[in-house]
Amino acid sequence: MKVFKDWKLPQKTFSWLKRVSRHVVVYFPPLLGFLVLYQNSNNYWFEEGSAWYIFLNSVSVAFITGGILTITMNALKYFDFFKKQLEDILLGDNFLEKRNDIHDLWTKVSRILYKRKFPEIAKKLENLILSEYLPKDSPYYSESFENEIHFEFDKADENILVLTEVHNQIVKSHNNTKINVKFTSTINLPDDKTMREDPSRLNLEFLKINENDLYCSENYIKERGCYKLNEYSFELIEETQGSEMRMKGMINLTGSHEYKITKKISKKYYLNVNPIKAFTASHIFNNFLVSYTFPKELRVEFHKLGTVKSFTEQDTPSNESAKYKYEGILLPQQGFALGLTKIN
């Protein structure tokens, strides 16, 4: 290998090659032009069958064909390289992040993809996925959501179920500007108008941001006291419409990229009009854990709602508790449901 490394062209040979290459560069274009002109002249310059006729005809065809082939092969040699470079530029993150029409680009790409297989519903698919399942307007998502639920029967009436649940979640925002984190909770009311008093209840017991109190119910204040934050605000609406009792909350957060939110909700309702306890995501969740305890007289059946994968059991279910985990992304309208049945 050293022999080849140290080898150099003799000076005379190098000078000769240099002169030849210079002449080739100078005379190649006129020669190529002459041969192209000769081919387009229908070969009238010499008598057909003569030596010059055969010679020039053969040389021009070979020369032109060889030149075109050489140019084509050299172009093809670099085509893949330039193609790769162009793809890196047009499909790279830096280029895409600077585009102002990224949503339009997504729509166009999706339309082409769906039209190949489902042309009749392509438009509906692209709108549904972009606006509902990949909500471009949502400024946050929830990380490591934990839902702890406890069921027990009311001591005065075994037809009434008492439920308490605690939600722990980390909300992550793409910036530190204001975000509004919303939640909703409902219960169904009995249709019997002859009842003197409906014992159904739906209450928010407390709400904490980063371990500090933001909201406390009267009962919670009596039991543990409450320290309210001043930097965040909270709106709570409690209403009854027809046969449904509803609670809607909106937490106004600002100044950070990440917030830990903890809240406790209590419910009291008739089991026969609320045989299902369900949770569906209102925004994107990453990783979800649900655990629940219940009395022996209550049968609880776990079902997934619209998720691509299944929840996995974290512990062996017993007659009084169970725990399920979902690893991955929960999209809006996905979640779980618990079927509740009293055992006589």
C-alpha atoms as a PDB file:
ATOM      1  CA  MET A   1       0.000   0.000   0.000  1.00  0.00           C
ATOM      2  CA  LYS A   2       2.913   2.370   0.654  1.00  0.00           C
ATOM      3  CA  VAL A   3       4.138   1.891  -2.922  1.00  0.00           C
ATOM      4  CA  PHE A   4       0.858   3.208  -4.341  1.00  0.00           C
ATOM      5  CA  LYS A   5       0.668   5.954  -1.763  1.00  0.00           C
ATOM      6  CA  ASP A   6       4.077   7.363  -2.651  1.00  0.00           C
ATOM      7  CA  TRP A   7       3.682   6.846  -6.423  1.00  0.00           C
ATOM      8  CA  LYS A   8       3.483   9.980  -8.600  1.00  0.00           C
ATOM      9  CA  LEU A   9       3.153  10.570 -12.343  1.00  0.00           C
ATOM     10  CA  PRO A  10       6.374  11.534 -14.119  1.00  0.00           C
ATOM     11  CA  GLN A  11       6.508  15.225 -14.963  1.00  0.00           C
ATOM     12  CA  LYS A  12       6.555  14.632 -18.768  1.00  0.00           C
ATOM     13  CA  THR A  13       3.551  12.274 -18.604  1.00  0.00           C
ATOM     14  CA  PHE A  14       1.634  14.721 -16.428  1.00  0.00           C
ATOM     15  CA  SER A  15       2.342  17.591 -18.844  1.00  0.00           C
ATOM     16  CA  TRP A  16       1.203  15.451 -21.797  1.00  0.00           C
ATOM     17  CA  LEU A  17      -2.071  14.514 -20.099  1.00  0.00           C
ATOM     18  CA  LYS A  18      -2.627  18.160 -19.227  1.00  0.00           C
ATOM     19  CA  ARG A  19      -2.202  19.244 -22.884  1.00  0.00           C
ATOM     20  CA  VAL A  20      -4.464  16.450 -24.124  1.00  0.00           C
ATOM     21  CA  SER A  21      -7.222  17.331 -21.643  1.00  0.00           C
ATOM     22  CA  ARG A  22      -6.973  20.990 -22.678  1.00  0.00           C
ATOM     23  CA  HIS A  23      -7.365  20.061 -26.351  1.00  0.00           C
ATOM     24  CA  VAL A  24     -10.296  17.776 -25.563  1.00  0.00           C
ATOM     25  CA  VAL A  25     -12.087  20.604 -23.765  1.00  0.00           C
ATOM     26  CA  VAL A  26     -11.417  22.986 -26.672  1.00  0.00           C
ATOM     27  CA  TYR A  27     -12.222  20.684 -29.614  1.00  0.00           C
ATOM     28  CA  PHE A  28     -14.908  18.413 -28.165  1.00  0.00           C
ATOM     29  CA  PRO A  29     -17.875  20.823 -28.518  1.00  0.00           C
ATOM     30  CA  PRO A  30     -17.137  21.768 -32.194  1.00  0.00           C
ATOM     31  CA  LEU A  31     -16.540  18.126 -33.087  1.00  0.00           C
ATOM     32  CA  LEU A  32     -19.778  17.075 -31.415  1.00  0.00           C
ATOM     33  CA  GLY A  33     -21.622  19.872 -33.227  1.00  0.00           C
ATOM     34  CA  PHE A  34     -20.155  18.802 -36.593  1.00  0.00           C
ATOM     35  CA  LEU A  35     -21.187  15.187 -36.107  1.00  0.00           C
ATOM     36  CA  VAL A  36     -24.720  16.166 -35.021  1.00  0.00           C
ATOM     37  CA  LEU A  37     -24.999  18.414 -38.080  1.00  0.00           C
ATOM     38  CA  TYR A  38     -23.740  15.606 -40.311  1.00  0.00           C
ATOM     39  CA  GLN A  39     -26.359  13.211 -38.935  1.00  0.00           C
ATOM     40  CA  ASN A  40     -29.135  15.742 -39.524  1.00  0.00           C
ATOM     41  CA  SER A  41     -27.998  16.393 -43.126  1.00  0.00           C
ATOM     42  CA  ASN A  42     -29.354  13.011 -44.293  1.00  0.00           C
ATOM     43  CA  ASN A  43     -25.758  12.053 -45.229  1.00  0.00           C
ATOM     44  CA  TYR A  44     -25.784  13.990 -48.534  1.00  0.00           C
ATOM     45  CA  TRP A  45     -22.115  15.050 -48.223  1.00  0.00           C
ATOM     46  CA  PHE A  46     -20.674  11.770 -49.535  1.00  0.00           C
ATOM     47  CA  GLU A  47     -21.880   9.094 -51.868  1.00  0.00           C
ATOM     48  CA  GLU A  48     -23.711   6.303 -50.112  1.00  0.00           C
ATOM     49  CA  GLY A  49     -21.471   3.296 -49.719  1.00  0.00           C
ATOM     50  CA  SER A  50     -18.224   5.233 -50.038  1.00  0.00           C
ATOM     51  CA  ALA A  51     -15.464   4.883 -47.477  1.00  0.00           C
ATOM     52  CA  TRP A  52     -15.979   8.390 -46.088  1.00  0.00           C
ATOM     53  CA  TYR A  53     -19.740   7.808 -45.909  1.00  0.00           C
ATOM     54  CA  ILE A  54     -19.324   4.591 -43.902  1.00  0.00           C
ATOM     55  CA  PHE A  55     -16.564   6.064 -41.721  1.00  0.00           C
ATOM     56  CA  LEU A  56     -18.318   9.309 -40.739  1.00  0.00           C
ATOM     57  CA  ASN A  57     -21.671   7.627 -40.316  1.00  0.00           C
ATOM     58  CA  SER A  58     -20.209   5.031 -37.949  1.00  0.00           C
ATOM     59  CA  VAL A  59     -18.068   7.522 -36.043  1.00  0.00           C
ATOM     60  CA  SER A  60     -20.887  10.045 -35.573  1.00  0.00           C
ATOM     61  CA  VAL A  61     -23.365   7.446 -34.334  1.00  0.00           C
ATOM     62  CA  ALA A  62     -20.828   5.948 -31.934  1.00  0.00           C
ATOM     63  CA  PHE A  63     -19.563   9.334 -30.762  1.00  0.00           C
ATOM     64  CA  ILE A  64     -22.993  10.884 -30.166  1.00  0.00           C
ATOM     65  CA  THR A  65     -24.433   7.745 -28.588  1.00  0.00           C
ATOM     66  CA  GLY A  66     -21.377   7.295 -26.387  1.00  0.00           C
ATOM     67  CA  GLY A  67     -21.450  10.945 -25.328  1.00  0.00           C
ATOM     68  CA  ILE A  68     -25.111  10.834 -24.417  1.00  0.00           C
ATOM     69  CA  LEU A  69     -24.630   7.555 -22.561  1.00  0.00           C
ATOM     70  CA  THR A  70     -21.640   8.968 -20.651  1.00  0.00           C
ATOM     71  CA  ILE A  71     -23.548  12.105 -19.656  1.00  0.00           C
ATOM     72  CA  THR A  72     -26.576  10.045 -18.625  1.00  0.00           C
ATOM     73  CA  MET A  73     -24.525   7.613 -16.543  1.00  0.00           C
ATOM     74  CA  ASN A  74     -22.698  10.455 -14.799  1.00  0.00           C
ATOM     75  CA  ALA A  75     -26.008  12.173 -14.091  1.00  0.00           C
ATOM     76  CA  LEU A  76     -27.531   8.972 -12.710  1.00  0.00           C
ATOM     77  CA  LYS A  77     -24.459   8.458 -10.551  1.00  0.00           C
ATOM     78  CA  TYR A  78     -25.218  11.714  -8.689  1.00  0.00           C
ATOM     79  CA  PHE A  79     -29.029  11.503  -8.890  1.00  0.00           C
ATOM     80  CA  ASP A  80     -29.453   9.411  -5.741  1.00  0.00           C
ATOM     81  CA  PHE A  81     -27.052  11.673  -3.854  1.00  0.00           C
ATOM     82  CA  PHE A  82     -28.908  14.874  -4.768  1.00  0.00           C
ATOM     83  CA  LYS A  83     -32.248  13.156  -4.231  1.00  0.00           C
ATOM     84  CA  LYS A  84     -31.212  12.213  -0.682  1.00  0.00           C
ATOM     85  CA  GLN A  85     -29.965  15.743   0.002  1.00  0.00           C
ATOM     86  CA  LEU A  86     -33.187  17.250  -1.306  1.00  0.00           C
ATOM     87  CA  GLU A  87     -35.309  14.884   0.780  1.00  0.00           C
ATOM     88  CA  ASP A  88     -33.300  15.771   3.891  1.00  0.00           C
ATOM     89  CA  ILE A  89     -33.999  19.459   3.260  1.00  0.00           C
ATOM     90  CA  LEU A  90     -37.695  19.235   2.359  1.00  0.00           C
ATOM     91  CA  LEU A  91     -38.613  16.568   4.929  1.00  0.00           C
ATOM     92  CA  GLY A  92     -36.236  17.608   7.706  1.00  0.00           C
ATOM     93  CA  ASP A  93     -37.514  18.943  11.018  1.00  0.00           C
ATOM     94  CA  ASN A  94     -35.811  22.330  10.603  1.00  0.00           C
ATOM     95  CA  PHE A  95     -37.515  22.997   7.271  1.00  0.00           C
ATOM     96  CA  LEU A  96     -40.939  21.754   8.401  1.00  0.00           C
ATOM     97  CA  GLU A  97     -40.853  23.692  11.691  1.00  0.00           C
ATOM     98  CA  LYS A  98     -40.361  26.957   9.798  1.00  0.00           C
ATOM     99  CA  ARG A  99     -43.335  26.400   7.508  1.00  0.00           C
ATOM    100  CA  ASN A 100     -46.438  28.442   8.283  1.00  0.00           C
ATOM    101  CA  ASP A 101     -48.684  26.048   6.372  1.00  0.00           C
ATOM    102  CA  ILE A 102     -47.819  22.862   8.256  1.00  0.00           C
ATOM    103  CA  HIS A 103     -51.508  22.072   8.898  1.00  0.00           C
ATOM    104  CA  ASP A 104     -52.333  22.503   5.208  1.00  0.00           C
ATOM    105  CA  LEU A 105     -49.374  20.267   4.367  1.00  0.00           C
ATOM    106  CA  TRP A 106     -50.677  17.615   6.772  1.00  0.00           C
ATOM    107  CA  THR A 107     -54.098  17.814   5.125  1.00  0.00           C
ATOM    108  CA  LYS A 108     -52.652  17.413   1.630  1.00  0.00           C
ATOM    109  CA  VAL A 109     -50.469  14.459   2.592  1.00  0.00           C
ATOM    110  CA  SER A 110     -53.356  12.821   4.443  1.00  0.00           C
ATOM    111  CA  ARG A 111     -55.691  13.367   1.502  1.00  0.00           C
ATOM    112  CA  ILE A 112     -53.285  11.596  -0.862  1.00  0.00           C
ATOM    113  CA  LEU A 113     -52.878   8.739   1.608  1.00  0.00           C
ATOM    114  CA  TYR A 114     -56.606   8.242   2.201  1.00  0.00           C
ATOM    115  CA  LYS A 115     -57.609   8.703  -1.435  1.00  0.00           C
ATOM    116  CA  ARG A 116     -55.564   5.665  -2.400  1.00  0.00           C
ATOM    117  CA  LYS A 117     -57.696   3.392  -0.245  1.00  0.00           C
ATOM    118  CA  PHE A 118     -60.810   5.299   0.818  1.00  0.00           C
ATOM    119  CA  PRO A 119     -61.547   8.045  -1.739  1.00  0.00           C
ATOM    120  CA  GLU A 120     -65.218   8.264  -0.732  1.00  0.00           C
ATOM    121  CA  ILE A 121     -64.498   9.191   2.898  1.00  0.00           C
ATOM    122  CA  ALA A 122     -61.048  10.810   2.558  1.00  0.00           C
ATOM    123  CA  LYS A 123     -62.305  14.304   3.410  1.00  0.00           C
ATOM    124  CA  LYS A 124     -64.116  13.132   6.547  1.00  0.00           C
ATOM    125  CA  LEU A 125     -61.099  11.136   7.716  1.00  0.00           C
ATOM    126  CA  GLU A 126     -58.603  13.980   7.388  1.00  0.00           C
ATOM    127  CA  ASN A 127     -60.849  16.437   9.269  1.00  0.00           C
ATOM    128  CA  LEU A 128     -61.647  13.947  12.027  1.00  0.00           C
ATOM    129  CA  ILE A 129     -58.047  12.930  12.682  1.00  0.00           C
ATOM    130  CA  LEU A 130     -56.637  16.463  12.626  1.00  0.00           C
ATOM    131  CA  SER A 131     -59.353  18.156  14.685  1.00  0.00           C
ATOM    132  CA  GLU A 132     -60.476  15.393  17.067  1.00  0.00           C
ATOM    133  CA  TYR A 133     -57.756  12.774  17.499  1.00  0.00           C
ATOM    134  CA  LEU A 134     -54.782  15.110  16.966  1.00  0.00           C
ATOM    135  CA  PRO A 135     -56.227  18.386  18.265  1.00  0.00           C
ATOM    136  CA  LYS A 136     -53.914  21.061  16.885  1.00  0.00           C
ATOM    137  CA  ASP A 137     -55.498  23.739  19.103  1.00  0.00           C
ATOM    138  CA  SER A 138     -54.886  21.945  22.419  1.00  0.00           C
ATOM    139  CA  PRO A 139     -52.053  23.742  24.268  1.00  0.00           C
ATOM    140  CA  TYR A 140     -51.390  20.944  26.774  1.00  0.00           C
ATOM    141  CA  TYR A 141     -51.539  17.219  27.534  1.00  0.00           C
ATOM    142  CA  SER A 142     -51.629  15.146  30.724  1.00  0.00           C
ATOM    143  CA  GLU A 143     -48.748  12.917  31.791  1.00  0.00           C
ATOM    144  CA  SER A 144     -49.010   9.900  34.145  1.00  0.00           C
ATOM    145  CA  PHE A 145     -52.673  10.308  35.079  1.00  0.00           C
ATOM    146  CA  GLU A 146     -53.706   8.324  38.180  1.00  0.00           C
ATOM    147  CA  ASN A 147     -57.337   7.690  39.093  1.00  0.00           C
ATOM    148  CA  GLU A 148     -58.023   6.186  42.528  1.00  0.00           C
ATOM    149  CA  ILE A 149     -61.664   5.200  43.145  1.00  0.00           C
ATOM    150  CA  HIS A 150     -63.378   3.902  46.282  1.00  0.00           C
ATOM    151  CA  PHE A 151     -66.925   2.469  46.302  1.00  0.00           C
ATOM    152  CA  GLU A 152     -69.099   1.729  49.322  1.00  0.00           C
ATOM    153  CA  PHE A 153     -72.803   1.374  49.999  1.00  0.00           C
ATOM    154  CA  ASP A 154     -74.674   4.006  51.990  1.00  0.00           C
ATOM    155  CA  LYS A 155     -75.261   2.828  55.527  1.00  0.00           C
ATOM    156  CA  ALA A 156     -78.847   4.078  55.545  1.00  0.00           C
ATOM    157  CA  ASP A 157     -79.814   2.661  52.133  1.00  0.00           C
ATOM    158  CA  GLU A 158     -77.966  -0.166  50.346  1.00  0.00           C
ATOM    159  CA  ASN A 159     -79.474   0.897  47.028  1.00  0.00           C
ATOM    160  CA  ILE A 160     -77.364   4.035  47.189  1.00  0.00           C
ATOM    161  CA  LEU A 161     -73.684   3.971  46.252  1.00  0.00           C
ATOM    162  CA  VAL A 162     -71.123   6.366  47.699  1.00  0.00           C
ATOM    163  CA  LEU A 163     -68.071   7.040  45.545  1.00  0.00           C
ATOM    164  CA  THR A 164     -64.913   9.038  46.156  1.00  0.00           C
ATOM    165  CA  GLU A 165     -62.170   9.418  43.574  1.00  0.00           C
ATOM    166  CA  VAL A 166     -58.839  11.199  43.534  1.00  0.00           C
ATOM    167  CA  HIS A 167     -57.164  12.348  40.309  1.00  0.00           C
ATOM    168  CA  ASN A 168     -53.416  12.967  40.122  1.00  0.00           C
ATOM    169  CA  GLN A 169     -51.946  14.288  36.896  1.00  0.00           C
ATOM    170  CA  ILE A 170     -49.074  16.326  35.506  1.00  0.00           C
ATOM    171  CA  VAL A 171     -50.200  18.841  32.899  1.00  0.00           C
ATOM    172  CA  LYS A 172     -47.513  19.796  30.382  1.00  0.00           C
ATOM    173  CA  SER A 173     -47.807  22.872  28.190  1.00  0.00           C
ATOM    174  CA  HIS A 174     -45.704  23.765  25.131  1.00  0.00           C
ATOM    175  CA  ASN A 175     -45.143  27.263  26.563  1.00  0.00           C
ATOM    176  CA  ASN A 176     -45.638  29.184  29.815  1.00  0.00           C
ATOM    177  CA  THR A 177     -48.542  31.315  28.667  1.00  0.00           C
ATOM    178  CA  LYS A 178     -52.067  30.963  30.051  1.00  0.00           C
ATOM    179  CA  ILE A 179     -53.842  27.627  29.657  1.00  0.00           C
ATOM    180  CA  ASN A 180     -57.335  26.606  30.780  1.00  0.00           C
ATOM    181  CA  VAL A 181     -57.509  23.043  32.103  1.00  0.00           C
ATOM    182  CA  LYS A 182     -61.113  21.816  32.109  1.00  0.00           C
ATOM    183  CA  PHE A 183     -62.848  18.845  33.718  1.00  0.00           C
ATOM    184  CA  THR A 184     -66.437  17.599  33.955  1.00  0.00           C
ATOM    185  CA  SER A 185     -68.221  15.132  36.202  1.00  0.00           C
ATOM    186  CA  THR A 186     -71.869  13.980  36.057  1.00  0.00           C
ATOM    187  CA  ILE A 187     -74.372  11.627  37.670  1.00  0.00           C
ATOM    188  CA  ASN A 188     -77.834  10.505  36.586  1.00  0.00           C
ATOM    189  CA  LEU A 189     -80.856  11.343  38.721  1.00  0.00           C
ATOM    190  CA  PRO A 190     -83.916   9.098  39.273  1.00  0.00           C
ATOM    191  CA  ASP A 191     -87.036   9.862  37.252  1.00  0.00           C
ATOM    192  CA  ASP A 192     -89.364   9.176  40.207  1.00  0.00           C
ATOM    193  CA  LYS A 193     -91.031  12.530  40.929  1.00  0.00           C
ATOM    194  CA  THR A 194     -92.820  11.189  44.039  1.00  0.00           C
ATOM    195  CA  MET A 195     -89.617  11.052  46.099  1.00  0.00           C
ATOM    196  CA  ARG A 196     -89.642  13.573  48.913  1.00  0.00           C
ATOM    197  CA  GLU A 197     -85.907  14.101  48.776  1.00  0.00           C
ATOM    198  CA  ASP A 198     -83.289  12.887  46.321  1.00  0.00           C
ATOM    199  CA  PRO A 199     -80.087  11.992  48.216  1.00  0.00           C
ATOM    200  CA  SER A 200     -77.926  12.301  45.062  1.00  0.00           C
ATOM    201  CA  ARG A 201     -74.835  14.451  45.590  1.00  0.00           C
ATOM    202  CA  LEU A 202     -71.915  15.596  43.467  1.00  0.00           C
ATOM    203  CA  ASN A 203     -69.134  17.586  45.132  1.00  0.00           C
ATOM    204  CA  LEU A 204     -65.594  18.762  44.516  1.00  0.00           C
ATOM    205  CA  GLU A 205     -63.844  18.223  47.849  1.00  0.00           C
ATOM    206  CA  PHE A 206     -60.502  19.875  47.052  1.00  0.00           C
ATOM    207  CA  LEU A 207     -58.271  21.001  44.226  1.00  0.00           C
ATOM    208  CA  LYS A 208     -54.503  21.384  44.551  1.00  0.00           C
ATOM    209  CA  ILE A 209     -51.926  22.874  42.183  1.00  0.00           C
ATOM    210  CA  ASN A 210     -48.341  21.786  42.864  1.00  0.00           C
ATOM    211  CA  GLU A 211     -49.404  20.470  46.303  1.00  0.00           C
ATOM    212  CA  ASN A 212     -50.986  23.806  47.312  1.00  0.00           C
ATOM    213  CA  ASP A 213     -54.740  24.278  47.825  1.00  0.00           C
ATOM    214  CA  LEU A 214     -56.666  26.157  45.159  1.00  0.00           C
ATOM    215  CA  TYR A 215     -60.193  25.121  46.172  1.00  0.00           C
ATOM    216  CA  CYS A 216     -61.673  23.467  49.260  1.00  0.00           C
ATOM    217  CA  SER A 217     -65.229  22.441  50.059  1.00  0.00           C
ATOM    218  CA  GLU A 218     -66.822  23.432  53.356  1.00  0.00           C
ATOM    219  CA  ASN A 219     -66.505  19.910  54.704  1.00  0.00           C
ATOM    220  CA  TYR A 220     -62.844  19.765  53.745  1.00  0.00           C
ATOM    221  CA  ILE A 221     -62.183  23.122  55.404  1.00  0.00           C
ATOM    222  CA  LYS A 222     -63.828  21.888  58.598  1.00  0.00           C
ATOM    223  CA  GLU A 223     -61.772  18.715  58.604  1.00  0.00           C
ATOM    224  CA  ARG A 224     -58.334  19.929  57.479  1.00  0.00           C
ATOM    225  CA  GLY A 225     -58.406  23.624  56.796  1.00  0.00           C
ATOM    226  CA  CYS A 226     -57.494  25.199  53.469  1.00  0.00           C
ATOM    227  CA  TYR A 227     -54.786  27.489  52.137  1.00  0.00           C
ATOM    228  CA  LYS A 228     -55.840  29.118  48.871  1.00  0.00           C
ATOM    229  CA  LEU A 229     -53.376  30.167  46.215  1.00  0.00           C
ATOM    230  CA  ASN A 230     -53.508  33.668  44.789  1.00  0.00           C
ATOM    231  CA  GLU A 231     -51.504  33.135  41.592  1.00  0.00           C
ATOM    232  CA  TYR A 232     -54.065  30.892  39.898  1.00  0.00           C
ATOM    233  CA  SER A 233     -57.830  31.236  39.466  1.00  0.00           C
ATOM    234  CA  PHE A 234     -60.549  28.609  39.304  1.00  0.00           C
ATOM    235  CA  GLU A 235     -64.138  28.571  38.083  1.00  0.00           C
ATOM    236  CA  LEU A 236     -66.702  25.983  39.191  1.00  0.00           C
ATOM    237  CA  ILE A 237     -70.202  25.559  37.805  1.00  0.00           C
ATOM    238  CA  GLU A 238     -72.705  23.167  39.407  1.00  0.00           C
ATOM    239  CA  GLU A 239     -76.003  22.641  37.630  1.00  0.00           C
ATOM    240  CA  THR A 240     -78.901  20.227  37.228  1.00  0.00           C
ATOM    241  CA  GLN A 241     -80.528  19.776  33.846  1.00  0.00           C
ATOM    242  CA  GLY A 242     -83.380  17.325  33.545  1.00  0.00           C
ATOM    243  CA  SER A 243     -82.258  13.985  34.932  1.00  0.00           C
ATOM    244  CA  GLU A 244     -78.561  14.883  35.080  1.00  0.00           C
ATOM    245  CA  MET A 245     -76.473  16.601  37.733  1.00  0.00           C
ATOM    246  CA  ARG A 246     -73.301  18.136  36.363  1.00  0.00           C
ATOM    247  CA  MET A 247     -70.166  19.801  37.687  1.00  0.00           C
ATOM    248  CA  LYS A 248     -67.805  21.714  35.376  1.00  0.00           C
ATOM    249  CA  GLY A 249     -64.482  23.183  36.429  1.00  0.00           C
ATOM    250  CA  MET A 250     -61.894  25.324  34.668  1.00  0.00           C
ATOM    251  CA  ILE A 251     -58.420  25.949  36.095  1.00  0.00           C
ATOM    252  CA  ASN A 252     -56.569  28.990  34.770  1.00  0.00           C
ATOM    253  CA  LEU A 253     -52.817  28.385  34.859  1.00  0.00           C
ATOM    254  CA  THR A 254     -49.876  30.504  33.688  1.00  0.00           C
ATOM    255  CA  GLY A 255     -46.148  30.989  34.198  1.00  0.00           C
ATOM    256  CA  SER A 256     -44.848  27.439  33.826  1.00  0.00           C
ATOM    257  CA  HIS A 257     -44.517  24.526  31.393  1.00  0.00           C
ATOM    258  CA  GLU A 258     -45.612  21.929  33.939  1.00  0.00           C
ATOM    259  CA  TYR A 259     -48.217  21.725  36.713  1.00  0.00           C
ATOM    260  CA  LYS A 260     -49.161  18.965  39.131  1.00  0.00           C
ATOM    261  CA  ILE A 261     -52.932  18.857  39.641  1.00  0.00           C
ATOM    262  CA  THR A 262     -54.685  16.851  42.345  1.00  0.00           C
ATOM    263  CA  LYS A 263     -58.418  16.840  42.943  1.00  0.00           C
ATOM    264  CA  LYS A 264     -60.932  14.812  44.928  1.00  0.00           C
ATOM    265  CA  ILE A 265     -64.553  14.311  43.867  1.00  0.00           C
ATOM    266  CA  SER A 266     -67.313  12.679  45.925  1.00  0.00           C
ATOM    267  CA  LYS A 267     -70.593  11.271  44.594  1.00  0.00           C
ATOM    268  CA  LYS A 268     -73.697   9.767  46.078  1.00  0.00           C
ATOM    269  CA  TYR A 269     -76.325   8.232  43.812  1.00  0.00           C
ATOM    270  CA  TYR A 270     -78.753   5.396  43.190  1.00  0.00           C
ATOM    271  CA  LEU A 271     -76.936   2.400  41.735  1.00  0.00           C
ATOM    272  CA  ASN A 272     -79.822   1.354  39.476  1.00  0.00           C
ATOM    273  CA  VAL A 273     -79.715   4.668  37.556  1.00  0.00           C
ATOM    274  CA  ASN A 274     -75.905   4.823  37.505  1.00  0.00           C
ATOM    275  CA  PRO A 275     -74.824   1.231  36.725  1.00  0.00           C
ATOM    276  CA  ILE A 276     -71.714   2.398  34.869  1.00  0.00           C
ATOM    277  CA  LYS A 277     -68.783   4.484  36.082  1.00  0.00           C
ATOM    278  CA  ALA A 278     -66.951   5.767  32.989  1.00  0.00           C
ATOM    279  CA  PHE A 279     -63.999   7.999  32.191  1.00  0.00           C
ATOM    280  CA  THR A 280     -63.228   9.439  28.758  1.00  0.00           C
ATOM    281  CA  ALA A 281     -60.287  11.688  27.931  1.00  0.00           C
ATOM    282  CA  SER A 282     -61.036  15.308  27.042  1.00  0.00           C
ATOM    283  CA  HIS A 283     -57.492  15.827  25.711  1.00  0.00           C
ATOM    284  CA  ILE A 284     -54.367  13.753  25.104  1.00  0.00           C
ATOM    285  CA  PHE A 285     -53.111  11.594  27.985  1.00  0.00           C
ATOM    286  CA  ASN A 286     -49.773   9.790  28.116  1.00  0.00           C
ATOM    287  CA  ASN A 287     -49.854   6.764  30.454  1.00  0.00           C
ATOM    288  CA  PHE A 288     -52.910   6.122  32.616  1.00  0.00           C
ATOM    289  CA  LEU A 289     -53.389   4.186  35.843  1.00  0.00           C
ATOM    290  CA  VAL A 290     -56.739   3.370  37.442  1.00  0.00           C
ATOM    291  CA  SER A 291     -57.223   1.543  40.746  1.00  0.00           C
ATOM    292  CA  TYR A 292     -60.401   0.913  42.693  1.00  0.00           C
ATOM    293  CA  THR A 293     -61.683  -0.716  45.852  1.00  0.00           C
ATOM    294  CA  PHE A 294     -65.230  -1.934  46.473  1.00  0.00           C
ATOM    295  CA  PRO A 295     -67.316  -3.964  48.951  1.00  0.00           C
ATOM    296  CA  LYS A 296     -67.872  -7.694  48.501  1.00  0.00           C
ATOM    297  CA  GLU A 297     -71.540  -7.063  47.747  1.00  0.00           C
ATOM    298  CA  LEU A 298     -70.634  -5.103  44.592  1.00  0.00           C
ATOM    299  CA  ARG A 299     -69.506  -6.720  41.348  1.00  0.00           C
ATOM    300  CA  VAL A 300     -67.205  -4.492  39.268  1.00  0.00           C
ATOM    301  CA  GLU A 301     -66.307  -5.340  35.670  1.00  0.00           C
ATOM    302  CA  PHE A 302     -63.595  -3.438  33.819  1.00  0.00           C
ATOM    303  CA  HIS A 303     -63.928  -2.504  30.126  1.00  0.00           C
ATOM    304  CA  LYS A 304     -61.765  -0.386  27.837  1.00  0.00           C
ATOM    305  CA  LEU A 305     -63.409   2.358  25.786  1.00  0.00           C
ATOM    306  CA  GLY A 306     -62.118   2.904  22.249  1.00  0.00           C
ATOM    307  CA  THR A 307     -58.433   2.348  23.007  1.00  0.00           C
ATOM    308  CA  VAL A 308     -56.130   0.729  20.451  1.00  0.00           C
ATOM    309  CA  LYS A 309     -54.386  -1.407  23.051  1.00  0.00           C
ATOM    310  CA  SER A 310     -55.739  -3.097  26.141  1.00  0.00           C
ATOM    311  CA  PHE A 311     -55.215  -2.044  29.742  1.00  0.00           C
ATOM    312  CA  THR A 312     -52.955  -4.435  31.655  1.00  0.00           C
ATOM    313  CA  GLU A 313     -53.691  -5.750  35.141  1.00  0.00           C
ATOM    314  CA  GLN A 314     -51.082  -4.546  37.624  1.00  0.00           C
ATOM    315  CA  ASP A 315     -52.164  -6.793  40.466  1.00  0.00           C
ATOM    316  CA  THR A 316     -54.201  -9.971  40.607  1.00  0.00           C
ATOM    317  CA  PRO A 317     -57.808  -8.754  40.936  1.00  0.00           C
ATOM    318  CA  SER A 318     -59.422  -9.664  44.257  1.00  0.00           C
ATOM    319  CA  ASN A 319     -62.992  -9.558  45.474  1.00  0.00           C
ATOM    320  CA  GLU A 320     -62.409  -6.051  46.808  1.00  0.00           C
ATOM    321  CA  SER A 321     -59.806  -4.292  44.607  1.00  0.00           C
ATOM    322  CA  ALA A 322     -58.229  -4.079  41.143  1.00  0.00           C
ATOM    323  CA  LYS A 323     -55.663  -1.993  39.274  1.00  0.00           C
ATOM    324  CA  TYR A 324     -55.213  -1.457  35.523  1.00  0.00           C
ATOM    325  CA  LYS A 325     -52.596   0.457  33.555  1.00  0.00           C
ATOM    326  CA  TYR A 326     -52.543   1.829  30.026  1.00  0.00           C
ATOM    327  CA  GLU A 327     -49.057   2.479  28.643  1.00  0.00           C
ATOM    328  CA  GLY A 328     -49.082   4.908  25.754  1.00  0.00           C
ATOM    329  CA  ILE A 329     -51.325   7.598  24.337  1.00  0.00           C
ATOM    330  CA  LEU A 330     -54.995   7.993  25.215  1.00  0.00           C
ATOM    331  CA  LEU A 331     -56.765  10.125  22.617  1.00  0.00           C
ATOM    332  CA  PRO A 332     -59.905  12.222  23.196  1.00  0.00           C
ATOM    333  CA  GLN A 333     -63.037  10.130  23.771  1.00  0.00           C
ATOM    334  CA  GLN A 334     -60.968   7.090  24.806  1.00  0.00           C
ATOM    335  CA  GLY A 335     -60.873   5.707  28.331  1.00  0.00           C
ATOM    336  CA  PHE A 336     -62.474   2.985  30.460  1.00  0.00           C
ATOM    337  CA  ALA A 337     -65.810   1.933  31.974  1.00  0.00           C
ATOM    338  CA  LEU A 338     -66.695   0.022  35.124  1.00  0.00           C
ATOM    339  CA  GLY A 339     -69.869  -2.034  35.073  1.00  0.00           C
ATOM    340  CA  LEU A 340     -71.455  -1.994  38.565  1.00  0.00           C
ATOM    341  CA  THR A 341     -73.872  -4.672  39.822  1.00  0.00           C
ATOM    342  CA  LYS A 342     -75.159  -5.307  43.331  1.00  0.00           C
ATOM    343  CA  ILE A 343     -74.797  -8.910  44.475  1.00  0.00           C
ATOM    344  CA  ASN A 344     -77.916 -10.057  46.334  1.00  0.00           C
END
